[in-house]
C-alpha atoms as a PDB file:
ATOM      1  CA  MET A   1     230.867 155.298   4.139  1.00  0.00           C
ATOM      2  CA  ARG A   2     228.186 153.966   6.306  1.00  0.00           C
ATOM      3  CA  LYS A   3     224.649 153.224   5.137  1.00  0.00           C
ATOM      4  CA  GLN A   4     221.834 154.501   7.136  1.00  0.00           C
ATOM      5  CA  PRO A   5     218.358 152.759   8.391  1.00  0.00           C
ATOM      6  CA  ASN A   6     215.136 152.982   6.752  1.00  0.00           C
ATOM      7  CA  SER A   7     212.016 152.867   7.884  1.00  0.00           C
ATOM      8  CA  ARG A   8     209.252 150.891   6.447  1.00  0.00           C
ATOM      9  CA  MET A   9     206.946 152.833   5.255  1.00  0.00           C
ATOM     10  CA  CYS A  10     208.524 156.309   4.729  1.00  0.00           C
ATOM     11  CA  PHE A  11     207.851 157.834   1.179  1.00  0.00           C
ATOM     12  CA  ILE A  12     211.463 158.519   0.654  1.00  0.00           C
ATOM     13  CA  CYS A  13     213.306 155.503   2.262  1.00  0.00           C
ATOM     14  CA  GLY A  14     210.487 153.043   3.255  1.00  0.00           C
ATOM     15  CA  MET A  15     211.361 149.861   1.406  1.00  0.00           C
ATOM     16  CA  ASP A  16     207.694 148.133   2.456  1.00  0.00           C
ATOM     17  CA  ASN A  17     206.032 151.371   0.557  1.00  0.00           C
ATOM     18  CA  PRO A  18     205.043 150.425  -2.420  1.00  0.00           C
ATOM     19  CA  VAL A  19     204.398 154.512  -4.239  1.00  0.00           C
ATOM     20  CA  GLY A  20     207.734 155.500  -2.305  1.00  0.00           C
ATOM     21  CA  LEU A  21     210.944 155.883  -3.959  1.00  0.00           C
ATOM     22  CA  LYS A  22     212.993 153.444  -1.624  1.00  0.00           C
ATOM     23  CA  LEU A  23     216.229 155.506  -1.377  1.00  0.00           C
ATOM     24  CA  ALA A  24     218.913 154.105   0.315  1.00  0.00           C
ATOM     25  CA  PHE A  25     221.006 156.826   2.158  1.00  0.00           C
ATOM     26  CA  HIS A  26     224.980 156.749   2.818  1.00  0.00           C
ATOM     27  CA  GLU A  27     226.991 158.927   5.365  1.00  0.00           C
ATOM     28  CA  VAL A  28     230.227 159.439   3.138  1.00  0.00           C
ATOM     29  CA  GLU A  29     231.570 161.788   6.419  1.00  0.00           C
ATOM     30  CA  LEU A  30     230.760 163.501   9.409  1.00  0.00           C
ATOM     31  CA  GLY A  31     227.429 165.581   8.663  1.00  0.00           C
ATOM     32  CA  VAL A  32     227.319 164.460   4.832  1.00  0.00           C
ATOM     33  CA  VAL A  33     224.985 162.300   3.504  1.00  0.00           C
ATOM     34  CA  GLU A  34     224.351 160.843  -0.472  1.00  0.00           C
ATOM     35  CA  THR A  35     221.942 159.020  -2.004  1.00  0.00           C
ATOM     36  CA  ASN A  36     221.865 157.898  -5.610  1.00  0.00           C
ATOM     37  CA  PHE A  37     218.666 157.224  -7.818  1.00  0.00           C
ATOM     38  CA  THR A  38     216.607 157.449 -11.025  1.00  0.00           C
ATOM     39  CA  ALA A  39     213.270 159.267 -10.798  1.00  0.00           C
ATOM     40  CA  PRO A  40     210.437 157.046 -12.450  1.00  0.00           C
ATOM     41  CA  ASP A  41     207.770 157.888 -14.641  1.00  0.00           C
ATOM     42  CA  HIS A  42     205.164 158.189 -12.617  1.00  0.00           C
ATOM     43  CA  PHE A  43     206.525 160.868 -10.508  1.00  0.00           C
ATOM     44  CA  GLN A  44     207.282 163.230 -13.622  1.00  0.00           C
ATOM     45  CA  SER A  45     205.184 166.705 -14.206  1.00  0.00           C
ATOM     46  CA  TYR A  46     205.945 167.969 -17.239  1.00  0.00           C
ATOM     47  CA  PRO A  47     207.077 165.146 -19.829  1.00  0.00           C
ATOM     48  CA  GLY A  48     210.460 164.125 -18.850  1.00  0.00           C
ATOM     49  CA  VAL A  49     210.408 166.648 -15.674  1.00  0.00           C
ATOM     50  CA  LEU A  50     210.420 165.411 -11.928  1.00  0.00           C
ATOM     51  CA  HIS A  51     207.508 166.935 -10.118  1.00  0.00           C
ATOM     52  CA  GLY A  52     208.785 169.977  -8.025  1.00  0.00           C
ATOM     53  CA  GLY A  53     207.163 168.429  -5.239  1.00  0.00           C
ATOM     54  CA  ILE A  54     209.050 165.447  -5.400  1.00  0.00           C
ATOM     55  CA  VAL A  55     212.026 167.427  -5.737  1.00  0.00           C
ATOM     56  CA  ALA A  56     211.464 169.450  -2.380  1.00  0.00           C
ATOM     57  CA  THR A  57     210.622 165.970  -0.723  1.00  0.00           C
ATOM     58  CA  ILE A  58     214.051 164.691  -1.283  1.00  0.00           C
ATOM     59  CA  LEU A  59     215.534 167.392  -0.550  1.00  0.00           C
ATOM     60  CA  ASP A  60     213.805 167.767   2.537  1.00  0.00           C
ATOM     61  CA  GLU A  61     214.529 164.130   3.243  1.00  0.00           C
ATOM     62  CA  VAL A  62     218.395 164.382   2.717  1.00  0.00           C
ATOM     63  CA  SER A  63     219.055 167.572   4.257  1.00  0.00           C
ATOM     64  CA  GLY A  64     217.829 166.174   7.585  1.00  0.00           C
ATOM     65  CA  ARG A  65     219.547 162.763   7.418  1.00  0.00           C
ATOM     66  CA  ALA A  66     222.828 165.101   7.216  1.00  0.00           C
ATOM     67  CA  HIS A  67     222.112 165.322  11.350  1.00  0.00           C
ATOM     68  CA  LEU A  68     221.173 161.684  11.713  1.00  0.00           C
ATOM     69  CA  GLY A  69     224.398 160.102  13.112  1.00  0.00           C
ATOM     70  CA  ASP A  70     224.636 156.921  14.981  1.00  0.00           C
ATOM     71  CA  PRO A  71     221.869 155.122  13.601  1.00  0.00           C
ATOM     72  CA  ASP A  72     221.687 152.993  16.914  1.00  0.00           C
ATOM     73  CA  GLN A  73     220.978 156.505  18.863  1.00  0.00           C
ATOM     74  CA  PRO A  74     219.827 158.659  15.766  1.00  0.00           C
ATOM     75  CA  ARG A  75     219.780 162.498  16.002  1.00  0.00           C
ATOM     76  CA  ILE A  76     215.799 162.661  14.583  1.00  0.00           C
ATOM     77  CA  VAL A  77     215.149 166.580  13.414  1.00  0.00           C
ATOM     78  CA  ARG A  78     212.289 167.767  11.549  1.00  0.00           C
ATOM     79  CA  THR A  79     211.625 170.599   9.202  1.00  0.00           C
ATOM     80  CA  ALA A  80     210.437 173.927  10.316  1.00  0.00           C
ATOM     81  CA  LYS A  81     211.322 175.859   7.029  1.00  0.00           C
ATOM     82  CA  LEU A  82     212.493 174.673   3.431  1.00  0.00           C
ATOM     83  CA  GLU A  83     213.485 177.230   0.867  1.00  0.00           C
ATOM     84  CA  VAL A  84     214.324 175.187  -1.995  1.00  0.00           C
ATOM     85  CA  LYS A  85     216.044 176.566  -5.310  1.00  0.00           C
ATOM     86  CA  TYR A  86     214.762 175.201  -8.781  1.00  0.00           C
ATOM     87  CA  ARG A  87     218.015 175.767 -10.878  1.00  0.00           C
ATOM     88  CA  LYS A  88     217.079 173.771 -13.758  1.00  0.00           C
ATOM     89  CA  PRO A  89     214.915 170.752 -14.608  1.00  0.00           C
ATOM     90  CA  VAL A  90     215.248 167.564 -12.969  1.00  0.00           C
ATOM     91  CA  PRO A  91     214.958 164.733 -15.429  1.00  0.00           C
ATOM     92  CA  ILE A  92     213.224 161.735 -14.879  1.00  0.00           C
ATOM     93  CA  GLY A  93     214.918 158.108 -15.849  1.00  0.00           C
ATOM     94  CA  GLN A  94     218.279 159.230 -15.608  1.00  0.00           C
ATOM     95  CA  PRO A  95     221.031 158.893 -13.043  1.00  0.00           C
ATOM     96  CA  LEU A  96     220.749 161.495 -10.442  1.00  0.00           C
ATOM     97  CA  ARG A  97     222.674 162.107  -6.687  1.00  0.00           C
ATOM     98  CA  ALA A  98     221.226 164.048  -3.759  1.00  0.00           C
ATOM     99  CA  VAL A  99     223.576 165.181  -1.085  1.00  0.00           C
ATOM    100  CA  GLY A 100     222.711 166.517   2.245  1.00  0.00           C
ATOM    101  CA  LYS A 101     225.001 168.593   4.723  1.00  0.00           C
ATOM    102  CA  ALA A 102     224.683 169.423   8.240  1.00  0.00           C
ATOM    103  CA  GLY A 103     224.839 172.728   9.143  1.00  0.00           C
ATOM    104  CA  PRO A 104     225.393 174.765  12.591  1.00  0.00           C
ATOM    105  CA  ALA A 105     222.964 174.170  15.433  1.00  0.00           C
ATOM    106  CA  ARG A 106     221.475 176.595  18.001  1.00  0.00           C
ATOM    107  CA  GLY A 107     219.945 175.122  20.904  1.00  0.00           C
ATOM    108  CA  MET A 108     217.129 172.810  19.253  1.00  0.00           C
ATOM    109  CA  ALA A 109     217.394 174.812  15.509  1.00  0.00           C
ATOM    110  CA  VAL A 110     219.773 173.138  13.274  1.00  0.00           C
ATOM    111  CA  GLU A 111     220.412 174.076   9.837  1.00  0.00           C
ATOM    112  CA  GLY A 112     220.933 172.076   6.698  1.00  0.00           C
ATOM    113  CA  TRP A 113     221.921 172.177   3.073  1.00  0.00           C
ATOM    114  CA  ALA A 114     221.064 169.520   0.584  1.00  0.00           C
ATOM    115  CA  GLY A 115     221.219 169.710  -3.819  1.00  0.00           C
ATOM    116  CA  ILE A 116     220.064 167.384  -6.416  1.00  0.00           C
ATOM    117  CA  TYR A 117     223.142 166.986  -9.293  1.00  0.00           C
ATOM    118  CA  ASP A 118     222.828 165.206 -12.444  1.00  0.00           C
ATOM    119  CA  GLN A 119     225.598 162.872 -13.785  1.00  0.00           C
ATOM    120  CA  ALA A 120     227.636 165.378 -15.287  1.00  0.00           C
ATOM    121  CA  GLY A 121     228.121 167.233 -11.803  1.00  0.00           C
ATOM    122  CA  THR A 122     225.487 169.880 -12.386  1.00  0.00           C
ATOM    123  CA  LEU A 123     223.221 171.206  -9.378  1.00  0.00           C
ATOM    124  CA  LEU A 124     219.789 170.849 -10.863  1.00  0.00           C
ATOM    125  CA  ALA A 125     217.973 171.920  -7.492  1.00  0.00           C
ATOM    126  CA  GLU A 126     218.724 172.711  -3.689  1.00  0.00           C
ATOM    127  CA  ALA A 127     217.531 173.602  -0.327  1.00  0.00           C
ATOM    128  CA  LYS A 128     218.509 175.576   2.874  1.00  0.00           C
ATOM    129  CA  ALA A 129     216.494 173.788   5.776  1.00  0.00           C
ATOM    130  CA  LEU A 130     215.728 175.439   9.381  1.00  0.00           C
ATOM    131  CA  LEU A 131     215.186 172.244  11.375  1.00  0.00           C
ATOM    132  CA  VAL A 132     214.056 171.245  14.906  1.00  0.00           C
ATOM    133  CA  ASP A 133     215.839 168.794  16.689  1.00  0.00           C
ATOM    134  CA  SER A 134     213.308 165.968  18.156  1.00  0.00           C
ATOM    135  CA  THR A 135     215.010 163.284  19.127  1.00  0.00           C
ATOM    136  CA  ARG A 136     214.235 160.948  22.104  1.00  0.00           C
ATOM    137  CA  ALA A 137     215.614 157.971  23.452  1.00  0.00           C
ATOM    138  CA  ALA A 138     213.559 155.401  21.276  1.00  0.00           C
ATOM    139  CA  SER A 139     214.099 152.186  22.209  1.00  0.00           C
ATOM    140  CA  ASP A 140     214.960 148.713  19.819  1.00  0.00           C
ATOM    141  CA  ALA A 141     211.423 147.759  20.182  1.00  0.00           C
ATOM    142  CA  GLU A 142     210.207 151.409  18.972  1.00  0.00           C
ATOM    143  CA  ARG A 143     212.722 150.857  16.247  1.00  0.00           C
ATOM    144  CA  GLN A 144     211.378 147.426  15.354  1.00  0.00           C
ATOM    145  CA  ALA A 145     207.756 148.939  15.055  1.00  0.00           C
ATOM    146  CA  ILE A 146     208.565 151.482  12.612  1.00  0.00           C
ATOM    147  CA  GLY A 147     210.673 148.677  10.775  1.00  0.00           C
ATOM    148  CA  TRP A 148     214.458 151.027  11.345  1.00  0.00           C
ATOM    149  CA  ARG A 149     216.712 149.062   9.948  1.00  0.00           C
ATOM    150  CA  ILE A 150     219.534 148.917   7.557  1.00  0.00           C
ATOM    151  CA  GLU A 151     218.466 147.753   4.243  1.00  0.00           C
ATOM    152  CA  PRO A 152     220.716 145.604   2.173  1.00  0.00           C
ATOM    153  CA  ASP A 153     221.717 147.275  -1.223  1.00  0.00           C
ATOM    154  CA  GLN A 154     220.041 145.962  -3.937  1.00  0.00           C
END
């Protein structure tokens, strides 16, 4: 299992973002990424339920991170289309797991899948993503400028 880098101010992974989720991602096998988290109260929609926009945002992030690969020469993808299926309410205040899986690539287009599961392993929400490969060679200085680094586990 390999920990992935975080950027400084990203809403999902930015450890310096005071209003962000501060999620840590691990590549559990090539093309498969996971994060474990508990959604805080201030992201709720209906009482006890994570807002659907936050659910979609997490699914978006984890589907793209499945394509990251080597953190020293990351493959950066951007979302072109995201199709979300909300299967059950995603609870706040309970441990959750998000999984992203890299799909096939066709030229600059790549596919991804993501799901959010509860503690019992029930799939609560999932998404299919169409992503565009926008990788460019980033220098060490550029990665440092956005705070692209492996954060210690907390």
